[in-house]
Amino acid sequence: MHHVRQEDLPRAGSTHQFVGADQGDTGVSVFLFHGEPGSGPGPHRHPYDEIQFIREGRGVWTVGGKTFEGRAGDIFVIKAGEIHSFKAIGDSPLVQLDVHLSPHFIQENL
């Protein structure tokens, strides 16, 4: 078993980063996003699938050229190579778990 606390993970901007290769040598990595309204990544893609679990708040996503709103309770499956971005909207933070099916994050910013 491997144990780590979220606050001990590396942080970049609004995200704690669980890198599977560094955390028990597991096959997935996770962005733990907690962003204030207006925050979020610009267009990018990954060479593997990503699953986003929206836990709190609201956001606007653009995936494969289609824009839509999401909220707590939504789950998005973004396929390998799909260009995507999102931004937190509303009056409260957007909280989500972004599971990357890779032991390392690989991201091409566009």
PDB file of N, CA and C in Angstrom:
ATOM      1  N   MET A   1       0.836  -1.174   0.000  1.00  0.00           N
ATOM      2  CA  MET A   1       0.000   0.000   0.000  1.00  0.00           C
ATOM      3  C   MET A   1       0.881   1.238   0.000  1.00  0.00           C
ATOM      4  N   HIS A   2       0.388   2.276  -0.639  1.00  0.00           N
ATOM      5  CA  HIS A   2       1.067   3.575  -0.673  1.00  0.00           C
ATOM      6  C   HIS A   2       0.088   4.614  -0.137  1.00  0.00           C
ATOM      7  N   HIS A   3       0.576   5.562   0.666  1.00  0.00           N
ATOM      8  CA  HIS A   3      -0.277   6.597   1.254  1.00  0.00           C
ATOM      9  C   HIS A   3       0.369   7.951   1.060  1.00  0.00           C
ATOM     10  N   VAL A   4      -0.426   8.929   0.689  1.00  0.00           N
ATOM     11  CA  VAL A   4       0.042  10.319   0.560  1.00  0.00           C
ATOM     12  C   VAL A   4      -1.152  11.227   0.837  1.00  0.00           C
ATOM     13  N   ARG A   5      -0.875  12.399   1.393  1.00  0.00           N
ATOM     14  CA  ARG A   5      -1.931  13.387   1.624  1.00  0.00           C
ATOM     15  C   ARG A   5      -1.923  14.398   0.488  1.00  0.00           C
ATOM     16  N   GLN A   6      -3.107  14.876   0.112  1.00  0.00           N
ATOM     17  CA  GLN A   6      -3.227  15.817  -0.998  1.00  0.00           C
ATOM     18  C   GLN A   6      -2.312  17.015  -0.822  1.00  0.00           C
ATOM     19  N   GLU A   7      -2.250  17.579   0.385  1.00  0.00           N
ATOM     20  CA  GLU A   7      -1.432  18.783   0.598  1.00  0.00           C
ATOM     21  C   GLU A   7       0.066  18.523   0.431  1.00  0.00           C
ATOM     22  N   ASP A   8       0.467  17.254   0.410  1.00  0.00           N
ATOM     23  CA  ASP A   8       1.875  16.917   0.199  1.00  0.00           C
ATOM     24  C   ASP A   8       2.222  16.698  -1.276  1.00  0.00           C
ATOM     25  N   LEU A   9       1.226  16.726  -2.142  1.00  0.00           N
ATOM     26  CA  LEU A   9       1.465  16.566  -3.573  1.00  0.00           C
ATOM     27  C   LEU A   9       1.987  17.868  -4.173  1.00  0.00           C
ATOM     28  N   PRO A  10       2.749  17.779  -5.276  1.00  0.00           N
ATOM     29  CA  PRO A  10       3.164  19.001  -5.971  1.00  0.00           C
ATOM     30  C   PRO A  10       1.943  19.791  -6.429  1.00  0.00           C
ATOM     31  N   ARG A  11       2.082  21.104  -6.452  1.00  0.00           N
ATOM     32  CA  ARG A  11       0.969  21.977  -6.839  1.00  0.00           C
ATOM     33  C   ARG A  11       1.423  22.885  -7.967  1.00  0.00           C
ATOM     34  N   ALA A  12       0.551  23.056  -8.954  1.00  0.00           N
ATOM     35  CA  ALA A  12       0.772  23.994 -10.051  1.00  0.00           C
ATOM     36  C   ALA A  12      -0.522  24.764 -10.258  1.00  0.00           C
ATOM     37  N   GLY A  13      -0.509  26.053  -9.962  1.00  0.00           N
ATOM     38  CA  GLY A  13      -1.724  26.855 -10.112  1.00  0.00           C
ATOM     39  C   GLY A  13      -2.835  26.357  -9.218  1.00  0.00           C
ATOM     40  N   SER A  14      -3.954  25.973  -9.816  1.00  0.00           N
ATOM     41  CA  SER A  14      -5.143  25.524  -9.087  1.00  0.00           C
ATOM     42  C   SER A  14      -5.187  24.013  -8.884  1.00  0.00           C
ATOM     43  N   THR A  15      -4.071  23.326  -9.125  1.00  0.00           N
ATOM     44  CA  THR A  15      -4.106  21.874  -9.190  1.00  0.00           C
ATOM     45  C   THR A  15      -3.011  21.207  -8.369  1.00  0.00           C
ATOM     46  N   HIS A  16      -3.421  20.237  -7.542  1.00  0.00           N
ATOM     47  CA  HIS A  16      -2.460  19.304  -6.955  1.00  0.00           C
ATOM     48  C   HIS A  16      -2.270  18.180  -7.974  1.00  0.00           C
ATOM     49  N   GLN A  17      -1.042  17.671  -8.077  1.00  0.00           N
ATOM     50  CA  GLN A  17      -0.739  16.684  -9.104  1.00  0.00           C
ATOM     51  C   GLN A  17      -0.305  15.359  -8.483  1.00  0.00           C
ATOM     52  N   PHE A  18      -1.106  14.331  -8.710  1.00  0.00           N
ATOM     53  CA  PHE A  18      -0.781  12.969  -8.302  1.00  0.00           C
ATOM     54  C   PHE A  18      -0.200  12.268  -9.518  1.00  0.00           C
ATOM     55  N   VAL A  19       1.111  12.106  -9.558  1.00  0.00           N
ATOM     56  CA  VAL A  19       1.792  11.443 -10.667  1.00  0.00           C
ATOM     57  C   VAL A  19       1.953   9.974 -10.293  1.00  0.00           C
ATOM     58  N   GLY A  20       1.235   9.108 -10.981  1.00  0.00           N
ATOM     59  CA  GLY A  20       1.204   7.695 -10.637  1.00  0.00           C
ATOM     60  C   GLY A  20       2.569   7.041 -10.534  1.00  0.00           C
ATOM     61  N   ALA A  21       3.480   7.386 -11.439  1.00  0.00           N
ATOM     62  CA  ALA A  21       4.815   6.781 -11.421  1.00  0.00           C
ATOM     63  C   ALA A  21       5.567   7.111 -10.141  1.00  0.00           C
ATOM     64  N   ASP A  22       5.258   8.261  -9.543  1.00  0.00           N
ATOM     65  CA  ASP A  22       5.931   8.698  -8.314  1.00  0.00           C
ATOM     66  C   ASP A  22       5.180   8.306  -7.048  1.00  0.00           C
ATOM     67  N   GLN A  23       3.957   7.829  -7.198  1.00  0.00           N
ATOM     68  CA  GLN A  23       3.101   7.531  -6.050  1.00  0.00           C
ATOM     69  C   GLN A  23       2.700   6.054  -6.074  1.00  0.00           C
ATOM     70  N   GLY A  24       3.606   5.207  -5.709  1.00  0.00           N
ATOM     71  CA  GLY A  24       3.305   3.780  -5.656  1.00  0.00           C
ATOM     72  C   GLY A  24       3.406   3.088  -6.997  1.00  0.00           C
ATOM     73  N   ASP A  25       4.002   3.757  -7.982  1.00  0.00           N
ATOM     74  CA  ASP A  25       4.197   3.191  -9.318  1.00  0.00           C
ATOM     75  C   ASP A  25       2.892   2.622  -9.877  1.00  0.00           C
ATOM     76  N   THR A  26       1.860   3.475  -9.897  1.00  0.00           N
ATOM     77  CA  THR A  26       0.556   3.068 -10.408  1.00  0.00           C
ATOM     78  C   THR A  26       0.354   3.590 -11.826  1.00  0.00           C
ATOM     79  N   GLY A  27      -0.598   3.038 -12.549  1.00  0.00           N
ATOM     80  CA  GLY A  27      -0.788   3.331 -13.968  1.00  0.00           C
ATOM     81  C   GLY A  27      -1.661   4.517 -14.298  1.00  0.00           C
ATOM     82  N   VAL A  28      -2.091   5.297 -13.295  1.00  0.00           N
ATOM     83  CA  VAL A  28      -2.891   6.489 -13.557  1.00  0.00           C
ATOM     84  C   VAL A  28      -2.277   7.691 -12.846  1.00  0.00           C
ATOM     85  N   SER A  29      -2.576   8.874 -13.388  1.00  0.00           N
ATOM     86  CA  SER A  29      -2.200  10.131 -12.747  1.00  0.00           C
ATOM     87  C   SER A  29      -3.462  10.966 -12.613  1.00  0.00           C
ATOM     88  N   VAL A  30      -3.489  11.851 -11.612  1.00  0.00           N
ATOM     89  CA  VAL A  30      -4.716  12.605 -11.335  1.00  0.00           C
ATOM     90  C   VAL A  30      -4.380  14.066 -11.072  1.00  0.00           C
ATOM     91  N   PHE A  31      -5.097  14.968 -11.770  1.00  0.00           N
ATOM     92  CA  PHE A  31      -5.094  16.379 -11.422  1.00  0.00           C
ATOM     93  C   PHE A  31      -6.243  16.579 -10.439  1.00  0.00           C
ATOM     94  N   LEU A  32      -5.963  17.130  -9.251  1.00  0.00           N
ATOM     95  CA  LEU A  32      -6.992  17.480  -8.282  1.00  0.00           C
ATOM     96  C   LEU A  32      -7.191  18.987  -8.414  1.00  0.00           C
ATOM     97  N   PHE A  33      -8.153  19.374  -9.238  1.00  0.00           N
ATOM     98  CA  PHE A  33      -8.373  20.773  -9.594  1.00  0.00           C
ATOM     99  C   PHE A  33      -9.327  21.435  -8.605  1.00  0.00           C
ATOM    100  N   HIS A  34      -8.957  22.622  -8.131  1.00  0.00           N
ATOM    101  CA  HIS A  34      -9.799  23.447  -7.263  1.00  0.00           C
ATOM    102  C   HIS A  34      -9.591  24.881  -7.721  1.00  0.00           C
ATOM    103  N   GLY A  35     -10.430  25.326  -8.666  1.00  0.00           N
ATOM    104  CA  GLY A  35     -10.202  26.614  -9.312  1.00  0.00           C
ATOM    105  C   GLY A  35     -11.293  27.626  -9.059  1.00  0.00           C
ATOM    106  N   GLU A  36     -10.870  28.854  -8.827  1.00  0.00           N
ATOM    107  CA  GLU A  36     -11.804  29.970  -8.675  1.00  0.00           C
ATOM    108  C   GLU A  36     -12.430  30.305 -10.031  1.00  0.00           C
ATOM    109  N   PRO A  37     -13.600  30.957 -10.048  1.00  0.00           N
ATOM    110  CA  PRO A  37     -14.221  31.342 -11.314  1.00  0.00           C
ATOM    111  C   PRO A  37     -13.228  32.078 -12.216  1.00  0.00           C
ATOM    112  N   GLY A  38     -13.223  31.690 -13.482  1.00  0.00           N
ATOM    113  CA  GLY A  38     -12.314  32.263 -14.457  1.00  0.00           C
ATOM    114  C   GLY A  38     -11.059  31.443 -14.685  1.00  0.00           C
ATOM    115  N   SER A  39     -10.764  30.508 -13.791  1.00  0.00           N
ATOM    116  CA  SER A  39      -9.550  29.695 -13.935  1.00  0.00           C
ATOM    117  C   SER A  39      -9.843  28.426 -14.733  1.00  0.00           C
ATOM    118  N   GLY A  40      -8.791  27.871 -15.292  1.00  0.00           N
ATOM    119  CA  GLY A  40      -8.892  26.632 -16.044  1.00  0.00           C
ATOM    120  C   GLY A  40      -7.894  26.627 -17.181  1.00  0.00           C
ATOM    121  N   PRO A  41      -7.587  25.449 -17.709  1.00  0.00           N
ATOM    122  CA  PRO A  41      -6.582  25.345 -18.765  1.00  0.00           C
ATOM    123  C   PRO A  41      -7.133  25.726 -20.133  1.00  0.00           C
ATOM    124  N   GLY A  42      -6.247  26.255 -20.973  1.00  0.00           N
ATOM    125  CA  GLY A  42      -6.587  26.521 -22.363  1.00  0.00           C
ATOM    126  C   GLY A  42      -6.588  25.232 -23.170  1.00  0.00           C
ATOM    127  N   PRO A  43      -6.775  25.346 -24.481  1.00  0.00           N
ATOM    128  CA  PRO A  43      -6.842  24.156 -25.331  1.00  0.00           C
ATOM    129  C   PRO A  43      -5.568  23.311 -25.238  1.00  0.00           C
ATOM    130  N   HIS A  44      -5.776  22.011 -25.101  1.00  0.00           N
ATOM    131  CA  HIS A  44      -4.677  21.061 -25.012  1.00  0.00           C
ATOM    132  C   HIS A  44      -5.199  19.669 -25.337  1.00  0.00           C
ATOM    133  N   ARG A  45      -4.278  18.708 -25.427  1.00  0.00           N
ATOM    134  CA  ARG A  45      -4.674  17.310 -25.664  1.00  0.00           C
ATOM    135  C   ARG A  45      -3.646  16.384 -25.032  1.00  0.00           C
ATOM    136  N   HIS A  46      -4.058  15.120 -24.894  1.00  0.00           N
ATOM    137  CA  HIS A  46      -3.222  14.075 -24.302  1.00  0.00           C
ATOM    138  C   HIS A  46      -3.233  12.859 -25.229  1.00  0.00           C
ATOM    139  N   PRO A  47      -2.177  12.032 -25.211  1.00  0.00           N
ATOM    140  CA  PRO A  47      -2.165  10.834 -26.052  1.00  0.00           C
ATOM    141  C   PRO A  47      -2.835   9.631 -25.386  1.00  0.00           C
ATOM    142  N   TYR A  48      -3.653   9.871 -24.387  1.00  0.00           N
ATOM    143  CA  TYR A  48      -4.367   8.819 -23.651  1.00  0.00           C
ATOM    144  C   TYR A  48      -5.720   9.390 -23.227  1.00  0.00           C
ATOM    145  N   ASP A  49      -6.631   8.528 -22.819  1.00  0.00           N
ATOM    146  CA  ASP A  49      -7.953   8.964 -22.354  1.00  0.00           C
ATOM    147  C   ASP A  49      -7.845   9.673 -21.007  1.00  0.00           C
ATOM    148  N   GLU A  50      -8.789  10.566 -20.757  1.00  0.00           N
ATOM    149  CA  GLU A  50      -8.902  11.288 -19.484  1.00  0.00           C
ATOM    150  C   GLU A  50     -10.363  11.247 -19.051  1.00  0.00           C
ATOM    151  N   ILE A  51     -10.594  11.030 -17.767  1.00  0.00           N
ATOM    152  CA  ILE A  51     -11.958  11.041 -17.219  1.00  0.00           C
ATOM    153  C   ILE A  51     -12.018  12.132 -16.166  1.00  0.00           C
ATOM    154  N   GLN A  52     -12.964  13.058 -16.322  1.00  0.00           N
ATOM    155  CA  GLN A  52     -13.116  14.170 -15.384  1.00  0.00           C
ATOM    156  C   GLN A  52     -14.381  13.962 -14.553  1.00  0.00           C
ATOM    157  N   PHE A  53     -14.210  13.981 -13.232  1.00  0.00           N
ATOM    158  CA  PHE A  53     -15.314  13.830 -12.290  1.00  0.00           C
ATOM    159  C   PHE A  53     -15.543  15.195 -11.647  1.00  0.00           C
ATOM    160  N   ILE A  54     -16.666  15.826 -11.955  1.00  0.00           N
ATOM    161  CA  ILE A  54     -16.958  17.165 -11.437  1.00  0.00           C
ATOM    162  C   ILE A  54     -17.610  17.003 -10.069  1.00  0.00           C
ATOM    163  N   ARG A  55     -16.943  17.514  -9.033  1.00  0.00           N
ATOM    164  CA  ARG A  55     -17.393  17.320  -7.653  1.00  0.00           C
ATOM    165  C   ARG A  55     -18.188  18.506  -7.114  1.00  0.00           C
ATOM    166  N   GLU A  56     -17.772  19.737  -7.458  1.00  0.00           N
ATOM    167  CA  GLU A  56     -18.455  20.944  -6.972  1.00  0.00           C
ATOM    168  C   GLU A  56     -18.351  22.024  -8.032  1.00  0.00           C
ATOM    169  N   GLY A  57     -19.317  22.928  -8.017  1.00  0.00           N
ATOM    170  CA  GLY A  57     -19.267  24.098  -8.884  1.00  0.00           C
ATOM    171  C   GLY A  57     -19.736  23.827 -10.303  1.00  0.00           C
ATOM    172  N   ARG A  58     -19.418  24.819 -11.170  1.00  0.00           N
ATOM    173  CA  ARG A  58     -19.835  24.780 -12.565  1.00  0.00           C
ATOM    174  C   ARG A  58     -18.677  25.214 -13.445  1.00  0.00           C
ATOM    175  N   GLY A  59     -18.744  24.796 -14.704  1.00  0.00           N
ATOM    176  CA  GLY A  59     -17.727  25.195 -15.657  1.00  0.00           C
ATOM    177  C   GLY A  59     -18.262  25.150 -17.068  1.00  0.00           C
ATOM    178  N   VAL A  60     -17.468  25.707 -17.986  1.00  0.00           N
ATOM    179  CA  VAL A  60     -17.752  25.644 -19.419  1.00  0.00           C
ATOM    180  C   VAL A  60     -16.602  24.888 -20.064  1.00  0.00           C
ATOM    181  N   TRP A  61     -16.930  23.847 -20.821  1.00  0.00           N
ATOM    182  CA  TRP A  61     -15.956  23.003 -21.495  1.00  0.00           C
ATOM    183  C   TRP A  61     -16.085  23.183 -22.995  1.00  0.00           C
ATOM    184  N   THR A  62     -14.968  23.076 -23.669  1.00  0.00           N
ATOM    185  CA  THR A  62     -14.951  22.928 -25.119  1.00  0.00           C
ATOM    186  C   THR A  62     -14.159  21.658 -25.403  1.00  0.00           C
ATOM    187  N   VAL A  63     -14.814  20.705 -26.053  1.00  0.00           N
ATOM    188  CA  VAL A  63     -14.200  19.411 -26.369  1.00  0.00           C
ATOM    189  C   VAL A  63     -14.515  19.106 -27.825  1.00  0.00           C
ATOM    190  N   GLY A  64     -13.473  18.902 -28.610  1.00  0.00           N
ATOM    191  CA  GLY A  64     -13.681  18.578 -30.017  1.00  0.00           C
ATOM    192  C   GLY A  64     -14.473  19.637 -30.757  1.00  0.00           C
ATOM    193  N   GLY A  65     -14.319  20.906 -30.364  1.00  0.00           N
ATOM    194  CA  GLY A  65     -14.998  22.007 -31.041  1.00  0.00           C
ATOM    195  C   GLY A  65     -16.417  22.275 -30.551  1.00  0.00           C
ATOM    196  N   LYS A  66     -16.937  21.483 -29.611  1.00  0.00           N
ATOM    197  CA  LYS A  66     -18.288  21.694 -29.066  1.00  0.00           C
ATOM    198  C   LYS A  66     -18.166  22.275 -27.667  1.00  0.00           C
ATOM    199  N   THR A  67     -18.941  23.313 -27.379  1.00  0.00           N
ATOM    200  CA  THR A  67     -18.908  23.981 -26.068  1.00  0.00           C
ATOM    201  C   THR A  67     -20.183  23.661 -25.309  1.00  0.00           C
ATOM    202  N   PHE A  68     -20.036  23.366 -24.019  1.00  0.00           N
ATOM    203  CA  PHE A  68     -21.180  23.016 -23.184  1.00  0.00           C
ATOM    204  C   PHE A  68     -20.861  23.343 -21.731  1.00  0.00           C
ATOM    205  N   GLU A  69     -21.906  23.433 -20.923  1.00  0.00           N
ATOM    206  CA  GLU A  69     -21.744  23.693 -19.490  1.00  0.00           C
ATOM    207  C   GLU A  69     -21.834  22.380 -18.724  1.00  0.00           C
ATOM    208  N   GLY A  70     -21.044  22.277 -17.655  1.00  0.00           N
ATOM    209  CA  GLY A  70     -21.094  21.118 -16.776  1.00  0.00           C
ATOM    210  C   GLY A  70     -21.193  21.564 -15.336  1.00  0.00           C
ATOM    211  N   ARG A  71     -21.567  20.633 -14.455  1.00  0.00           N
ATOM    212  CA  ARG A  71     -21.726  20.974 -13.038  1.00  0.00           C
ATOM    213  C   ARG A  71     -21.466  19.743 -12.176  1.00  0.00           C
ATOM    214  N   ALA A  72     -21.505  19.952 -10.877  1.00  0.00           N
ATOM    215  CA  ALA A  72     -21.271  18.868  -9.923  1.00  0.00           C
ATOM    216  C   ALA A  72     -22.122  17.658 -10.283  1.00  0.00           C
ATOM    217  N   GLY A  73     -21.493  16.493 -10.267  1.00  0.00           N
ATOM    218  CA  GLY A  73     -22.172  15.245 -10.589  1.00  0.00           C
ATOM    219  C   GLY A  73     -21.924  14.775 -12.008  1.00  0.00           C
ATOM    220  N   ASP A  74     -21.435  15.660 -12.889  1.00  0.00           N
ATOM    221  CA  ASP A  74     -21.140  15.264 -14.268  1.00  0.00           C
ATOM    222  C   ASP A  74     -19.821  14.503 -14.323  1.00  0.00           C
ATOM    223  N   ILE A  75     -19.742  13.585 -15.285  1.00  0.00           N
ATOM    224  CA  ILE A  75     -18.523  12.834 -15.566  1.00  0.00           C
ATOM    225  C   ILE A  75     -18.297  12.917 -17.066  1.00  0.00           C
ATOM    226  N   PHE A  76     -17.093  13.358 -17.461  1.00  0.00           N
ATOM    227  CA  PHE A  76     -16.748  13.502 -18.869  1.00  0.00           C
ATOM    228  C   PHE A  76     -15.616  12.543 -19.217  1.00  0.00           C
ATOM    229  N   VAL A  77     -15.794  11.801 -20.297  1.00  0.00           N
ATOM    230  CA  VAL A  77     -14.744  10.929 -20.817  1.00  0.00           C
ATOM    231  C   VAL A  77     -14.201  11.612 -22.068  1.00  0.00           C
ATOM    232  N   ILE A  78     -12.941  12.028 -21.987  1.00  0.00           N
ATOM    233  CA  ILE A  78     -12.291  12.723 -23.093  1.00  0.00           C
ATOM    234  C   ILE A  78     -11.305  11.735 -23.706  1.00  0.00           C
ATOM    235  N   LYS A  79     -11.500  11.436 -24.954  1.00  0.00           N
ATOM    236  CA  LYS A  79     -10.702  10.407 -25.624  1.00  0.00           C
ATOM    237  C   LYS A  79      -9.319  10.931 -26.002  1.00  0.00           C
ATOM    238  N   ALA A  80      -8.397  10.006 -26.134  1.00  0.00           N
ATOM    239  CA  ALA A  80      -7.019  10.347 -26.518  1.00  0.00           C
ATOM    240  C   ALA A  80      -7.029  11.210 -27.775  1.00  0.00           C
ATOM    241  N   GLY A  81      -6.269  12.306 -27.728  1.00  0.00           N
ATOM    242  CA  GLY A  81      -6.131  13.191 -28.878  1.00  0.00           C
ATOM    243  C   GLY A  81      -7.190  14.269 -29.010  1.00  0.00           C
ATOM    244  N   GLU A  82      -8.307  14.179 -28.262  1.00  0.00           N
ATOM    245  CA  GLU A  82      -9.348  15.208 -28.360  1.00  0.00           C
ATOM    246  C   GLU A  82      -8.848  16.518 -27.759  1.00  0.00           C
ATOM    247  N   ILE A  83      -8.989  17.589 -28.502  1.00  0.00           N
ATOM    248  CA  ILE A  83      -8.611  18.912 -28.005  1.00  0.00           C
ATOM    249  C   ILE A  83      -9.701  19.372 -27.056  1.00  0.00           C
ATOM    250  N   HIS A  84      -9.282  19.816 -25.859  1.00  0.00           N
ATOM    251  CA  HIS A  84     -10.250  20.234 -24.855  1.00  0.00           C
ATOM    252  C   HIS A  84      -9.696  21.355 -23.984  1.00  0.00           C
ATOM    253  N   SER A  85     -10.633  22.078 -23.360  1.00  0.00           N
ATOM    254  CA  SER A  85     -10.307  23.143 -22.405  1.00  0.00           C
ATOM    255  C   SER A  85     -11.522  23.319 -21.506  1.00  0.00           C
ATOM    256  N   PHE A  86     -11.327  24.002 -20.369  1.00  0.00           N
ATOM    257  CA  PHE A  86     -12.463  24.339 -19.516  1.00  0.00           C
ATOM    258  C   PHE A  86     -12.136  25.553 -18.670  1.00  0.00           C
ATOM    259  N   LYS A  87     -13.196  26.215 -18.205  1.00  0.00           N
ATOM    260  CA  LYS A  87     -13.067  27.359 -17.300  1.00  0.00           C
ATOM    261  C   LYS A  87     -14.150  27.267 -16.240  1.00  0.00           C
ATOM    262  N   ALA A  88     -13.769  27.577 -14.995  1.00  0.00           N
ATOM    263  CA  ALA A  88     -14.739  27.642 -13.901  1.00  0.00           C
ATOM    264  C   ALA A  88     -15.623  28.866 -14.100  1.00  0.00           C
ATOM    265  N   ILE A  89     -16.916  28.703 -13.846  1.00  0.00           N
ATOM    266  CA  ILE A  89     -17.858  29.824 -13.928  1.00  0.00           C
ATOM    267  C   ILE A  89     -18.713  29.854 -12.660  1.00  0.00           C
ATOM    268  N   GLY A  90     -19.455  30.929 -12.489  1.00  0.00           N
ATOM    269  CA  GLY A  90     -20.350  31.056 -11.345  1.00  0.00           C
ATOM    270  C   GLY A  90     -19.690  31.779 -10.198  1.00  0.00           C
ATOM    271  N   ASP A  91     -20.223  31.586  -9.002  1.00  0.00           N
ATOM    272  CA  ASP A  91     -19.755  32.300  -7.811  1.00  0.00           C
ATOM    273  C   ASP A  91     -18.924  31.442  -6.861  1.00  0.00           C
ATOM    274  N   SER A  92     -18.725  30.190  -7.192  1.00  0.00           N
ATOM    275  CA  SER A  92     -17.977  29.301  -6.283  1.00  0.00           C
ATOM    276  C   SER A  92     -16.926  28.533  -7.076  1.00  0.00           C
ATOM    277  N   PRO A  93     -15.951  27.960  -6.381  1.00  0.00           N
ATOM    278  CA  PRO A  93     -14.889  27.214  -7.068  1.00  0.00           C
ATOM    279  C   PRO A  93     -15.425  25.985  -7.808  1.00  0.00           C
ATOM    280  N   LEU A  94     -14.710  25.624  -8.848  1.00  0.00           N
ATOM    281  CA  LEU A  94     -14.929  24.379  -9.568  1.00  0.00           C
ATOM    282  C   LEU A  94     -13.954  23.357  -8.984  1.00  0.00           C
ATOM    283  N   VAL A  95     -14.483  22.231  -8.530  1.00  0.00           N
ATOM    284  CA  VAL A  95     -13.656  21.184  -7.928  1.00  0.00           C
ATOM    285  C   VAL A  95     -13.875  19.913  -8.734  1.00  0.00           C
ATOM    286  N   GLN A  96     -12.775  19.341  -9.226  1.00  0.00           N
ATOM    287  CA  GLN A  96     -12.899  18.125 -10.016  1.00  0.00           C
ATOM    288  C   GLN A  96     -11.650  17.264  -9.886  1.00  0.00           C
ATOM    289  N   LEU A  97     -11.828  15.979 -10.186  1.00  0.00           N
ATOM    290  CA  LEU A  97     -10.732  15.014 -10.258  1.00  0.00           C
ATOM    291  C   LEU A  97     -10.585  14.637 -11.719  1.00  0.00           C
ATOM    292  N   ASP A  98      -9.414  14.864 -12.285  1.00  0.00           N
ATOM    293  CA  ASP A  98      -9.153  14.544 -13.685  1.00  0.00           C
ATOM    294  C   ASP A  98      -8.198  13.357 -13.725  1.00  0.00           C
ATOM    295  N   VAL A  99      -8.733  12.189 -14.053  1.00  0.00           N
ATOM    296  CA  VAL A  99      -7.964  10.957 -14.048  1.00  0.00           C
ATOM    297  C   VAL A  99      -7.370  10.743 -15.441  1.00  0.00           C
ATOM    298  N   HIS A 100      -6.046  10.707 -15.500  1.00  0.00           N
ATOM    299  CA  HIS A 100      -5.315  10.496 -16.746  1.00  0.00           C
ATOM    300  C   HIS A 100      -4.840   9.048 -16.769  1.00  0.00           C
ATOM    301  N   LEU A 101      -5.154   8.330 -17.832  1.00  0.00           N
ATOM    302  CA  LEU A 101      -4.827   6.918 -17.906  1.00  0.00           C
ATOM    303  C   LEU A 101      -3.383   6.729 -18.355  1.00  0.00           C
ATOM    304  N   SER A 102      -2.487   7.233 -17.503  1.00  0.00           N
ATOM    305  CA  SER A 102      -1.052   7.179 -17.764  1.00  0.00           C
ATOM    306  C   SER A 102      -0.313   7.368 -16.441  1.00  0.00           C
ATOM    307  N   PRO A 103       0.837   6.728 -16.247  1.00  0.00           N
ATOM    308  CA  PRO A 103       1.602   6.942 -15.021  1.00  0.00           C
ATOM    309  C   PRO A 103       2.299   8.300 -14.972  1.00  0.00           C
ATOM    310  N   HIS A 104       2.306   9.029 -16.107  1.00  0.00           N
ATOM    311  CA  HIS A 104       2.885  10.381 -16.188  1.00  0.00           C
ATOM    312  C   HIS A 104       1.910  11.283 -16.936  1.00  0.00           C
ATOM    313  N   PHE A 105       1.914  12.569 -16.608  1.00  0.00           N
ATOM    314  CA  PHE A 105       1.137  13.529 -17.383  1.00  0.00           C
ATOM    315  C   PHE A 105       1.883  13.834 -18.677  1.00  0.00           C
ATOM    316  N   ILE A 106       1.164  13.744 -19.781  1.00  0.00           N
ATOM    317  CA  ILE A 106       1.690  14.136 -21.090  1.00  0.00           C
ATOM    318  C   ILE A 106       0.652  15.080 -21.681  1.00  0.00           C
ATOM    319  N   GLN A 107       1.022  16.340 -21.850  1.00  0.00           N
ATOM    320  CA  GLN A 107       0.052  17.334 -22.295  1.00  0.00           C
ATOM    321  C   GLN A 107       0.672  18.222 -23.357  1.00  0.00           C
ATOM    322  N   GLU A 108      -0.027  18.338 -24.483  1.00  0.00           N
ATOM    323  CA  GLU A 108       0.384  19.241 -25.560  1.00  0.00           C
ATOM    324  C   GLU A 108      -0.525  20.463 -25.498  1.00  0.00           C
ATOM    325  N   ASN A 109       0.004  21.600 -25.083  1.00  0.00           N
ATOM    326  CA  ASN A 109      -0.764  22.844 -25.047  1.00  0.00           C
ATOM    327  C   ASN A 109      -0.827  23.431 -26.451  1.00  0.00           C
ATOM    328  N   LEU A 110      -2.007  23.855 -26.835  1.00  0.00           N
ATOM    329  CA  LEU A 110      -2.216  24.354 -28.201  1.00  0.00           C
ATOM    330  C   LEU A 110      -2.529  25.839 -28.232  1.00  0.00           C
TER     331      LEU A 110
END
